[in-house]
Every structure is written in structure tokens, then in C-alpha cells.
Amino acid sequence: MGLLTRDDQKEVKKALRRAGKPLEHDEIARKTSLSDEEAREAVSELVDRGEVTSTLSWKYKLTE
């Protein structure tokens, strides 16, 4: 796994925006060019920055 770029994070946010519903890590990975592990790391970074929110069912959505 390489270093994630800002473009990777943008790709995750774009996938979440287009889905219009919370997604799990593996769903995010399928909708992007990222591996499952890269998707997990990108989501974690976005959650830490408050740009993505976790639901009770371990799905992720853009913070409103």
C-alpha cells in the first residue's frame, strides 16, 4: 500500500456523493480505483478531519 494522496480522498468523497447513501469500505473500494485497505485508510483520514461520518452500521457518508 502506498501513500494516499488528496486525489484518493477526493475519489472517496466523489463515490460517497454519487451513491447518495452510506457505503461500507468494500463498496467504496468497488466504486473507486482504491484497494479495500486504501479505501479504509482514506475513509479513516476523512473521518478524522470531519469530512466523512460513520453510521451505527459501520457505513460511511459525507458529513452534512
Protein backbone atom coordinates (compact mmCIF):
# COMPACT_ATOMS: atom_id res chain seq x y z
CA MET A 1 0.00 0.00 0.00
CA GLY A 2 1.40 3.37 -0.97
CA LEU A 3 0.83 6.79 0.46
CA LEU A 4 -2.66 8.10 -0.12
CA THR A 5 -2.98 11.35 -1.98
CA ARG A 6 -5.52 14.11 -1.77
CA ASP A 7 -6.88 12.76 -5.08
CA ASP A 8 -7.56 9.40 -3.40
CA GLN A 9 -9.58 11.18 -0.74
CA LYS A 10 -11.42 13.18 -3.39
CA GLU A 11 -12.22 9.93 -5.18
CA VAL A 12 -13.75 8.51 -1.97
CA LYS A 13 -15.81 11.66 -1.39
CA LYS A 14 -16.98 11.59 -5.01
CA ALA A 15 -18.07 7.94 -4.67
CA LEU A 16 -19.99 8.75 -1.49
CA ARG A 17 -21.61 11.79 -3.09
CA ARG A 18 -22.69 9.83 -6.18
CA ALA A 19 -24.03 6.90 -4.14
CA GLY A 20 -26.37 9.17 -2.24
CA LYS A 21 -26.37 6.71 0.67
CA PRO A 22 -23.89 5.45 3.25
CA LEU A 23 -21.41 2.86 1.93
CA GLU A 24 -19.22 0.23 3.54
CA HIS A 25 -15.45 0.13 2.92
CA ASP A 26 -15.71 -2.63 0.32
CA GLU A 27 -18.46 -0.76 -1.53
CA ILE A 28 -16.28 2.36 -1.59
CA ALA A 29 -13.36 0.34 -2.93
CA ARG A 30 -15.53 -1.11 -5.74
CA LYS A 31 -16.68 2.37 -6.77
CA THR A 32 -13.12 3.75 -6.84
CA SER A 33 -9.70 2.65 -8.08
CA LEU A 34 -8.58 2.01 -4.49
CA SER A 35 -7.98 -1.33 -2.79
CA ASP A 36 -10.05 -2.23 0.29
CA GLU A 37 -7.16 -1.25 2.56
CA GLU A 38 -6.61 2.06 0.76
CA ALA A 39 -10.34 2.81 0.98
CA ARG A 40 -10.25 2.08 4.73
CA GLU A 41 -7.28 4.39 5.21
CA ALA A 42 -8.79 7.20 3.12
CA VAL A 43 -12.11 6.94 4.99
CA SER A 44 -10.28 6.95 8.33
CA GLU A 45 -8.40 10.13 7.39
CA LEU A 46 -11.61 11.79 6.19
CA VAL A 47 -13.43 10.81 9.40
CA ASP A 48 -10.56 12.25 11.46
CA ARG A 49 -10.93 15.54 9.56
CA GLY A 50 -14.72 15.56 9.99
CA GLU A 51 -15.46 15.30 6.26
CA VAL A 52 -17.00 11.83 6.47
CA THR A 53 -19.24 10.42 9.20
CA SER A 54 -19.64 6.83 10.36
CA THR A 55 -23.14 5.41 10.85
CA LEU A 56 -24.07 2.89 13.54
CA SER A 57 -23.95 0.12 10.92
CA TRP A 58 -20.28 0.87 10.02
CA LYS A 59 -21.18 2.59 6.79
CA TYR A 60 -19.80 5.97 5.83
CA LYS A 61 -21.35 9.12 4.40
CA LEU A 62 -20.29 12.67 3.71
CA THR A 63 -20.70 14.93 6.71
CA GLU A 64 -23.58 17.32 6.20
